[in-house]
Protein backbone atom coordinates (compact mmCIF):
# COMPACT_ATOMS: atom_id res chain seq x y z
CA MET A 1 15.92 -25.50 13.89
CA VAL A 2 12.79 -27.73 13.47
CA THR A 3 12.53 -30.13 16.36
CA SER A 4 9.18 -31.75 15.78
CA TYR A 5 6.87 -33.17 12.97
CA THR A 6 5.79 -30.51 10.36
CA PRO A 7 3.40 -31.05 7.28
CA LEU A 8 5.22 -31.61 4.04
CA GLU A 9 8.45 -32.74 5.69
CA ASN A 10 8.82 -35.69 3.47
CA THR A 11 8.58 -33.74 0.24
CA LYS A 12 11.67 -33.67 -1.97
CA PHE A 13 11.66 -29.97 -3.21
CA ILE A 14 13.36 -27.02 -1.39
CA LEU A 15 12.48 -23.45 -2.14
CA ASN A 16 15.27 -21.14 -3.14
CA GLY A 17 15.37 -18.43 -0.58
CA THR A 18 17.29 -15.95 -2.92
CA GLY A 19 14.66 -16.54 -5.60
CA VAL A 20 11.88 -15.85 -3.16
CA ALA A 21 13.49 -12.65 -1.89
CA GLY A 22 14.11 -11.43 -5.55
CA LEU A 23 10.60 -12.37 -6.79
CA PHE A 24 8.77 -9.45 -5.31
CA GLY A 25 9.88 -5.92 -6.07
CA GLY A 26 10.17 -2.97 -3.51
CA GLU A 27 8.35 -0.42 -5.53
CA GLU A 28 5.01 -1.71 -4.41
CA ALA A 29 6.23 -1.69 -0.81
CA VAL A 30 7.47 1.87 -1.12
CA ALA A 31 3.95 2.88 -2.45
CA SER A 32 2.34 1.51 0.71
CA ILE A 33 4.65 3.68 2.81
CA ALA A 34 4.25 6.68 0.53
CA LEU A 35 0.51 6.74 1.23
CA VAL A 36 0.77 6.54 5.06
CA HIS A 37 0.32 10.31 5.50
CA VAL A 38 -2.43 11.02 3.01
CA PHE A 39 -4.77 8.15 4.06
CA GLU A 40 -6.14 8.74 7.50
CA GLY A 41 -5.21 5.91 9.87
CA ARG A 42 -2.78 4.17 7.50
CA LYS A 43 0.21 4.50 9.89
CA TRP A 44 -1.48 1.94 12.22
CA LEU A 45 -1.90 -0.73 9.42
CA GLY A 46 1.60 -1.69 8.66
CA TRP A 47 1.80 -4.90 10.76
CA TYR A 48 2.36 -7.50 8.03
CA ASN A 49 5.32 -9.13 6.54
CA SER A 50 5.91 -6.78 3.59
CA PRO A 51 8.28 -7.65 0.74
CA GLY A 52 10.89 -5.32 -0.65
CA SER A 53 12.50 -4.46 2.54
CA TYR A 54 15.95 -3.75 0.96
CA ILE A 55 14.56 -1.07 -1.33
CA MET A 56 12.53 0.52 1.45
CA GLY A 57 15.49 0.66 3.57
CA MET A 58 17.50 2.57 0.99
CA ARG A 59 14.60 4.88 0.54
CA PHE A 60 14.34 5.58 4.36
CA SER A 61 18.11 6.31 4.16
CA GLY A 62 17.54 9.00 1.61
CA LEU A 63 14.60 10.42 3.77
CA ALA A 64 16.98 10.70 6.65
CA TYR A 65 19.65 12.42 4.85
CA SER A 66 17.17 14.90 3.38
CA ALA A 67 15.99 16.04 6.92
CA VAL A 68 16.74 19.68 7.85
CA PRO A 69 15.38 21.77 10.62
CA SER A 70 12.55 24.05 9.65
CA LEU A 71 12.09 27.63 10.68
CA PRO A 72 9.72 28.25 13.59
CA ARG A 73 6.30 29.62 12.49
CA ASP A 74 5.97 31.97 15.53
CA GLU A 75 7.65 33.02 18.65
CA GLN A 76 5.97 30.16 20.65
CA GLU A 77 7.79 27.47 18.73
CA HIS A 78 11.41 28.49 19.39
CA VAL A 79 11.60 25.78 22.06
CA GLN A 80 10.52 23.02 19.73
CA THR A 81 12.34 22.10 16.47
CA ASP A 82 10.42 20.88 13.49
CA LEU A 83 12.34 18.47 11.36
CA GLN A 84 11.48 19.01 7.49
CA THR A 85 12.21 16.24 5.03
CA ASP A 86 12.12 16.15 1.31
CA LEU A 87 8.95 14.30 0.27
CA ALA A 88 10.54 13.37 -3.01
CA SER A 89 12.76 10.95 -1.21
CA LEU A 90 9.67 8.98 -0.32
CA PHE A 91 7.50 9.36 -3.40
CA GLU A 92 10.47 9.12 -5.88
CA TYR A 93 9.96 12.35 -7.72
CA HIS A 94 12.18 15.44 -7.57
CA GLY A 95 9.38 17.99 -8.14
CA ARG A 96 7.77 18.64 -11.34
CA LYS A 97 8.34 22.13 -12.83
CA GLY A 98 5.22 24.10 -13.41
CA PRO A 99 4.66 26.49 -16.38
CA LYS A 100 5.41 30.21 -16.59
CA PHE A 101 3.13 32.51 -14.65
CA ARG A 102 2.52 36.24 -15.19
CA ALA A 103 0.87 38.40 -12.64
CA VAL A 104 -1.33 40.79 -14.44
CA HIS A 105 -1.65 43.58 -11.84
CA SER A 106 2.08 43.69 -10.49
CA GLY A 107 3.52 42.57 -13.73
CA SER A 108 5.92 40.02 -12.07
CA THR A 109 6.73 36.99 -13.94
CA PHE A 110 7.96 33.42 -12.87
CA GLN A 111 9.63 31.75 -15.67
CA GLU A 112 8.80 28.44 -13.98
CA THR A 113 6.46 27.68 -11.18
CA GLY A 114 6.51 24.57 -8.74
CA HIS A 115 5.16 21.06 -8.44
CA LEU A 116 1.65 22.26 -7.26
CA ALA A 117 1.23 24.51 -10.32
CA ALA A 118 2.13 21.63 -12.50
CA LEU A 119 -0.52 19.41 -10.71
CA PHE A 120 -3.12 22.26 -10.93
CA MET A 121 -2.46 22.56 -14.66
CA LYS A 122 -2.87 18.88 -15.16
CA GLU A 123 -6.23 19.04 -13.21
CA CYS A 124 -7.36 21.93 -15.57
CA THR A 125 -6.46 19.88 -18.78
CA GLU A 126 -8.81 16.94 -17.63
CA GLU A 127 -11.81 19.31 -17.60
CA ARG A 128 -14.25 18.73 -20.47
CA PRO A 129 -13.92 21.75 -22.65
CA ILE A 130 -16.52 23.97 -24.32
CA ARG A 131 -15.71 25.08 -27.83
CA ILE A 132 -16.23 28.65 -28.88
CA ASN A 133 -17.35 29.18 -32.47
CA GLY A 134 -14.96 30.87 -34.76
CA ARG A 135 -12.05 30.38 -37.24
CA GLU A 136 -9.59 27.52 -36.28
CA THR A 137 -5.90 27.32 -36.97
CA GLN A 138 -4.14 26.19 -33.70
CA PRO A 139 -6.66 25.72 -30.95
CA VAL A 140 -5.77 26.96 -27.59
CA SER A 141 -7.54 26.08 -24.27
CA VAL A 142 -8.43 28.58 -21.67
CA THR A 143 -9.43 27.60 -18.16
CA ILE A 144 -10.94 29.99 -15.76
CA ALA A 145 -10.18 29.37 -12.08
CA ASN A 146 -11.93 31.62 -9.61
CA LEU A 147 -10.00 30.91 -6.37
CA ASN A 148 -12.58 32.25 -3.75
CA HIS A 149 -11.08 30.27 -0.96
CA VAL A 150 -7.74 31.44 0.62
CA PRO A 151 -6.23 28.35 2.27
CA PRO A 152 -4.28 28.89 5.60
CA ARG A 153 -0.55 29.37 5.47
CA GLU A 154 -0.14 25.80 6.72
CA ALA A 155 -2.58 22.94 6.57
CA CYS A 156 -2.44 19.20 7.24
CA PRO A 157 -4.55 17.64 4.56
CA THR A 158 -5.71 13.91 4.56
CA MET A 159 -7.92 11.62 2.72
CA ASN A 160 -10.50 9.35 4.34
CA ARG A 161 -10.80 5.95 2.62
CA ARG A 162 -13.27 3.74 4.45
CA SER A 163 -12.10 0.59 2.61
CA ALA A 164 -8.38 1.02 3.71
CA PRO A 165 -8.74 -0.71 7.07
CA PHE A 166 -10.65 -3.61 5.52
CA TYR A 167 -8.01 -4.26 2.80
CA ALA A 168 -5.23 -3.92 5.22
CA SER A 169 -6.61 -6.56 7.47
CA VAL A 170 -6.13 -9.22 4.97
CA PRO A 171 -2.30 -9.18 4.80
CA ILE A 172 -2.19 -8.60 8.60
CA LEU A 173 -4.27 -11.63 9.43
CA VAL A 174 -2.50 -13.89 6.88
CA SER A 175 0.92 -12.79 8.14
CA MET A 176 0.02 -13.35 11.84
CA GLY A 177 -1.65 -16.63 10.91
CA ALA A 178 1.34 -17.93 8.92
CA CYS A 179 3.51 -16.94 11.95
CA ALA A 180 1.27 -18.81 14.37
CA ALA A 181 1.23 -21.81 12.19
CA CYS A 182 5.12 -21.95 12.04
CA GLY A 183 5.08 -21.62 15.88
CA ARG A 184 2.54 -24.42 16.21
CA TYR A 185 4.72 -26.73 14.33
CA GLN A 186 7.94 -25.41 15.94
CA ASP A 187 9.56 -24.13 12.70
CA TRP A 188 11.36 -21.41 14.41
CA PHE A 189 13.41 -20.14 11.55
CA SER A 190 10.24 -19.26 9.49
CA PHE A 191 8.46 -18.14 12.72
CA ALA A 192 11.28 -15.70 13.46
CA VAL A 193 11.55 -14.28 9.95
CA ILE A 194 7.82 -13.71 9.50
CA LEU A 195 7.51 -12.28 13.04
CA PHE A 196 10.55 -9.97 12.42
CA GLY A 197 9.02 -8.86 9.11
CA ILE A 198 5.74 -8.00 10.77
CA ILE A 199 7.43 -6.02 13.54
CA VAL A 200 9.89 -4.14 11.14
CA SER A 201 7.05 -3.28 8.77
CA GLY A 202 4.68 -2.02 11.46
CA VAL A 203 7.50 0.04 13.38
CA SER A 204 8.51 1.58 10.04
CA CYS A 205 4.99 2.56 9.19
CA ARG A 206 4.58 4.07 12.72
CA VAL A 207 7.91 6.02 12.58
CA ILE A 208 7.26 7.47 9.19
CA GLY A 209 3.53 8.03 10.10
CA SER A 210 4.58 10.17 13.01
CA GLY A 211 5.51 12.82 10.59
CA THR A 212 2.95 15.41 9.36
CA PHE A 213 2.01 15.68 5.68
CA ARG A 214 1.71 19.46 5.31
CA PHE A 215 0.76 21.96 2.60
CA MET A 216 2.54 25.32 2.88
CA HIS A 217 2.46 28.57 0.95
CA PRO A 218 3.97 31.99 1.66
CA GLU A 219 1.66 34.70 2.98
CA PRO A 220 1.27 37.86 0.89
CA ALA A 221 2.20 41.21 2.22
CA GLN A 222 -0.60 43.38 3.60
CA GLY A 223 -2.16 45.58 0.95
CA SER A 224 -1.08 43.31 -2.00
CA PRO A 225 -3.15 43.72 -5.16
CA PRO A 226 -5.34 40.79 -6.27
CA GLY A 227 -3.18 37.91 -7.42
CA ASP A 228 -4.86 37.45 -10.83
CA GLY A 229 -2.46 36.05 -13.32
CA ILE A 230 -1.91 33.82 -16.39
CA LEU A 231 -0.48 30.28 -15.93
CA GLY A 232 1.09 28.94 -19.18
CA CYS A 233 1.03 30.69 -22.46
CA ASP A 234 1.26 28.01 -25.15
CA GLU A 235 -1.61 25.52 -26.00
CA GLU A 236 -2.95 25.53 -22.43
CA VAL A 237 -3.67 28.74 -20.58
CA VAL A 238 -5.05 29.00 -17.08
CA LEU A 239 -6.44 32.24 -15.54
CA LEU A 240 -5.94 32.26 -11.79
CA LYS A 241 -8.31 34.83 -10.35
CA GLY A 242 -8.45 35.67 -6.57
CA GLU A 243 -6.62 37.12 -3.68
CA GLU A 244 -2.91 37.03 -3.60
CA GLY A 245 -2.97 34.32 -0.94
CA ALA A 246 -5.13 32.05 -3.10
CA VAL A 247 -3.00 32.43 -6.23
CA ASN A 248 0.12 31.95 -4.15
CA ALA A 249 -1.24 28.63 -2.90
CA VAL A 250 -0.93 27.39 -6.50
CA THR A 251 2.19 29.09 -7.95
CA ARG A 252 4.36 28.99 -4.70
CA GLY A 253 2.80 26.35 -2.56
CA ARG A 254 4.41 23.11 -1.72
CA PHE A 255 4.02 19.67 0.06
CA SER A 256 6.38 18.67 2.82
CA LEU A 257 6.77 16.20 5.52
CA LEU A 258 7.41 17.46 8.99
CA PHE A 259 8.46 15.63 12.17
CA LYS A 260 7.87 17.32 15.56
CA SER A 261 10.35 16.59 18.22
CA GLN A 262 12.07 18.37 21.06
CA HIS A 263 15.35 16.78 19.88
CA ALA A 264 15.54 16.72 15.97
CA ARG A 265 18.47 14.25 16.02
CA ARG A 266 16.38 11.60 17.82
CA THR A 267 13.92 11.85 14.83
CA VAL A 268 16.63 11.38 12.28
CA LYS A 269 18.09 8.38 14.29
CA LEU A 270 14.71 6.65 14.31
CA ILE A 271 14.40 6.92 10.57
CA ARG A 272 17.94 5.62 10.14
CA MET A 273 17.18 2.77 12.54
CA CYS A 274 14.33 1.80 10.42
CA SER A 275 16.55 1.82 7.38
CA VAL A 276 19.09 -0.43 9.01
CA ILE A 277 16.46 -3.00 10.39
CA LEU A 278 14.84 -3.10 6.97
CA VAL A 279 18.01 -4.08 5.35
CA ILE A 280 18.67 -6.66 8.16
CA GLN A 281 15.32 -8.08 7.43
CA ALA A 282 16.18 -8.74 3.77
CA ILE A 283 19.44 -10.32 4.81
CA ALA A 284 17.72 -12.53 7.39
CA GLN A 285 15.27 -13.79 4.85
CA LEU A 286 18.07 -14.83 2.57
CA ILE A 287 19.79 -16.72 5.32
CA LEU A 288 17.10 -18.19 7.48
CA VAL A 289 14.23 -19.09 4.97
CA PRO A 290 16.22 -21.88 3.25
CA GLN A 291 17.02 -23.36 6.68
CA SER A 292 13.32 -23.91 7.58
CA SER A 293 11.14 -26.77 6.58
CA PRO A 294 9.08 -26.90 3.28
CA PHE A 295 5.92 -26.11 5.35
CA GLY A 296 7.70 -22.99 6.93
CA GLN A 297 8.98 -21.92 3.59
CA LEU A 298 5.41 -22.22 2.23
CA MET A 299 4.09 -20.03 4.99
CA PHE A 300 6.70 -17.47 4.41
CA VAL A 301 5.86 -17.40 0.66
CA VAL A 302 2.11 -17.07 1.45
CA SER A 303 2.60 -14.29 3.82
CA VAL A 304 4.81 -12.45 1.50
CA ALA A 305 2.56 -13.00 -1.64
CA VAL A 306 -0.56 -11.80 0.18
CA SER A 307 1.20 -8.68 1.43
CA TRP A 308 2.64 -8.03 -2.04
CA LEU A 309 -0.87 -8.21 -3.51
CA TYR A 310 -1.99 -5.62 -0.92
CA ASN A 311 1.01 -3.37 -1.79
CA LEU A 312 0.24 -3.84 -5.36
CA TRP A 313 -3.17 -2.51 -4.82
CA LEU A 314 -1.72 0.59 -3.12
CA TRP A 315 0.79 0.94 -5.87
CA SER A 316 -2.05 0.98 -8.42
CA ILE A 317 -3.51 4.03 -6.83
CA ASP A 318 -2.52 7.04 -8.91
CA LYS A 319 -0.33 9.07 -6.52
CA GLU A 320 -0.48 12.11 -8.80
CA LYS A 321 -4.29 12.06 -8.71
CA VAL A 322 -4.15 11.71 -4.93
CA GLN A 323 -1.94 14.77 -4.75
CA ARG A 324 -4.19 16.65 -7.14
CA ASP A 325 -7.32 15.87 -5.09
CA ILE A 326 -5.49 17.01 -1.88
CA LEU A 327 -4.68 20.15 -3.72
CA MET A 328 -8.15 20.91 -4.93
CA ASP A 329 -9.73 20.09 -1.45
CA THR A 330 -7.26 22.61 -0.12
CA LEU A 331 -8.32 25.18 -2.51
CA GLY A 332 -11.94 24.75 -1.77
CA ARG A 333 -12.70 22.73 -4.90
CA PRO A 334 -12.94 25.76 -7.44
CA ARG A 335 -14.99 25.40 -10.54
CA LEU A 336 -12.85 25.08 -13.63
CA PRO A 337 -14.76 25.97 -16.63
CA ARG A 338 -12.55 25.31 -19.75
CA TYR A 339 -12.99 26.73 -23.21
CA ILE A 340 -11.31 25.91 -26.54
CA LEU A 341 -10.65 28.84 -28.93
CA GLY A 342 -9.62 28.23 -32.55
CA THR A 343 -6.87 30.81 -32.74
CA ARG A 344 -4.43 32.61 -30.48
CA THR A 345 -5.85 35.92 -31.43
CA SER A 346 -9.32 34.84 -30.18
CA MET A 347 -7.65 33.35 -27.10
CA VAL A 348 -6.11 36.64 -26.15
CA ILE A 349 -9.41 38.56 -26.39
CA PHE A 350 -11.20 36.04 -24.38
CA VAL A 351 -8.54 36.22 -21.71
CA LEU A 352 -8.65 40.07 -21.67
CA LEU A 353 -12.40 39.99 -21.30
CA ALA A 354 -12.22 37.59 -18.55
CA LEU A 355 -9.50 39.52 -16.51
CA GLU A 356 -11.42 42.79 -16.77
CA LEU A 357 -8.36 44.98 -16.63
CA ASP A 358 -8.33 48.70 -16.56
CA ASN A 359 -5.14 48.77 -18.70
CA PRO A 360 -5.09 45.56 -20.90
CA GLU A 361 -2.27 46.95 -23.09
CA ASP A 362 0.65 45.01 -21.13
CA VAL A 363 -1.11 41.76 -21.05
CA MET A 364 -1.93 41.89 -24.73
CA ASN A 365 1.69 42.70 -25.63
CA PHE A 366 2.82 39.75 -23.40
CA LEU A 367 0.49 37.32 -25.07
CA LEU A 368 0.64 38.71 -28.62
CA PRO A 369 4.29 40.08 -29.14
CA PRO A 370 3.93 40.96 -32.84
CA ASN A 371 4.39 44.79 -33.32
CA THR A 372 4.05 45.58 -37.12
CA THR A 373 1.98 48.54 -38.13
CA ALA A 374 -1.17 46.31 -38.90
CA TRP A 375 -0.80 44.68 -35.48
CA ARG A 376 -0.38 47.95 -33.67
CA ILE A 377 -3.50 49.46 -35.31
CA TRP A 378 -5.63 46.36 -34.48
CA LYS A 379 -4.36 46.27 -30.93
CA ALA A 380 -5.16 49.94 -30.48
CA ALA A 381 -8.69 49.54 -31.68
CA VAL A 382 -9.30 46.56 -29.52
CA ILE A 383 -7.78 48.21 -26.41
CA LYS A 384 -9.92 51.39 -26.99
CA ARG A 385 -13.05 49.21 -27.01
CA LEU A 386 -12.08 47.19 -24.06
CA ARG A 387 -11.52 50.36 -21.99
CA ASN A 388 -14.81 51.78 -22.96
CA ASN A 389 -16.54 48.37 -22.38
CA GLU A 390 -17.78 48.54 -26.13
CA LYS A 391 -18.72 45.56 -28.36
CA LEU A 392 -15.85 44.36 -30.29
CA SER A 393 -17.16 44.75 -33.73
CA LEU A 394 -14.40 46.31 -35.72
CA ASP A 395 -14.69 47.54 -39.37
CA ALA A 396 -12.65 49.34 -41.96
CA SER A 397 -13.06 52.73 -40.26
CA ASP A 398 -10.77 51.37 -37.46
CA TRP A 399 -7.85 51.04 -39.76
CA ASP A 400 -8.26 53.94 -42.08
CA ASP A 401 -4.64 54.21 -42.94
CA SER A 402 -3.38 54.75 -46.52
CA SER A 403 -0.06 53.15 -45.70
CA LEU A 404 -1.65 49.71 -45.32
CA SER A 405 -1.42 47.27 -48.12
CA ASP A 406 -4.30 45.08 -49.34
CA GLN A 407 -2.76 42.08 -47.45
CA ASP A 408 -2.67 44.02 -44.34
CA ARG A 409 -6.31 45.12 -44.62
CA LYS A 410 -7.33 41.46 -45.34
CA MET A 411 -5.34 40.39 -42.22
CA LEU A 412 -7.01 42.92 -40.13
CA GLU A 413 -10.45 41.85 -41.28
CA THR A 414 -9.48 38.31 -40.28
CA LEU A 415 -8.27 39.46 -36.82
CA SER A 416 -11.32 41.54 -36.22
CA GLN A 417 -13.54 38.55 -36.93
CA ASP A 418 -11.52 36.46 -34.40
CA ALA A 419 -12.05 39.28 -31.92
CA HIS A 420 -15.86 39.44 -32.54
CA ASP A 421 -16.00 35.61 -32.19
CA ALA A 422 -14.28 35.66 -28.92
CA TYR A 423 -16.43 38.44 -27.65
CA GLU A 424 -19.62 36.67 -28.62
CA GLY A 425 -18.38 33.41 -26.95
CA PHE A 426 -17.55 35.32 -23.78
CA GLN A 427 -20.87 36.95 -23.61
CA GLN A 428 -22.56 33.62 -24.11
CA TYR A 429 -20.77 32.12 -21.07
CA LYS A 430 -20.22 35.32 -19.02
CA GLU A 431 -22.17 34.09 -16.04
CA ASN A 432 -19.88 30.96 -15.71
CA ILE A 433 -16.69 32.99 -16.06
CA LEU A 434 -17.14 36.06 -13.77
CA PRO A 435 -18.17 35.95 -10.18
CA GLN A 436 -21.77 36.30 -9.56
CA SER A 437 -21.32 39.81 -7.92
CA LYS A 438 -19.97 41.08 -11.20
CA THR A 439 -22.59 39.69 -13.53
CA GLN A 440 -25.51 41.15 -11.62
């Protein structure tokens, strides 16, 4: 109830509370919450009258339902339960599926990998490619990823944005100023709604921010061979070279959100409480804002509009790019030289040279399934030279077989030229492809 004079009290218009509540969407507000864990200090910057409380409440509810106890990481942690939640409930993705992976030493194959492998593949595709000279039919990209850094089994990555506190101070100051102005003119309906919005948003940010954004990957067994392998096998191929633990971080790693608490149920209750009060906030806005004065309604709209603009700025940040940056930082920012080869045949030769395998036959058959007589002859000649570290310059003496037709011989000449082009390209960029210790 308004008991004293307020500015604009003689105006004839009345703002429609339902229209104001429905004007601003909740996706931008969800984005502001979703980045709480990856931007350092963001959990303390949620004290403003944020719009979209109903959608945020529903998202918090899904986050609470996804909570499950995590396994203790060592014997010292059996007294304390970690609560693990599905990060997809907050970011609104269900986990991208990564491409196929083939380990070249163990021979194991994953028909599909996880979300981090898909992010890593995307990061590779954005590298500027170097074109290898040669025949061109269907170009194939090959990225060489030397993973020299083995990340710990668990890490808590964050990103430091110095501008975040400055931008966050704008909606905070505007919301508090609008609330104070409503109190100054005793418009208690708008005062209560704005103040309640500030408190709900701040508490929700703090509760969700109490969780830890964590990167995890399984530890390899002791004595495991190198984890070198081929990620993808179509138009984009990535060679993962490094220890098993480093490669596991890409192919089997994941992001999760963990809440530490001696009582896991209490953490779930806090998240559900935030879900409830966010929905109550939306209902309170619909009921109380139309009861306030035009000045109070204006203050409410100003606070919500400025907060929405701030959320919109956070929403405009590419969340996938943020995740990719976190992943690359966790992997030690490996160099990712990328090469374009004109044919699949030259791509296979390039890959085999980069992998430096003692027995390249299995990988060649995996990448080039054709098994006709001409193909078998060509593969045998290439494998022989690779094993002997010889130059890939094939000629007619390598397919001296009377059963071959003229068409087969012509095809063998073409394939041999592809192998030679790939070999020359590899030699040209060998220092960028192989570790320094192997090129000296």
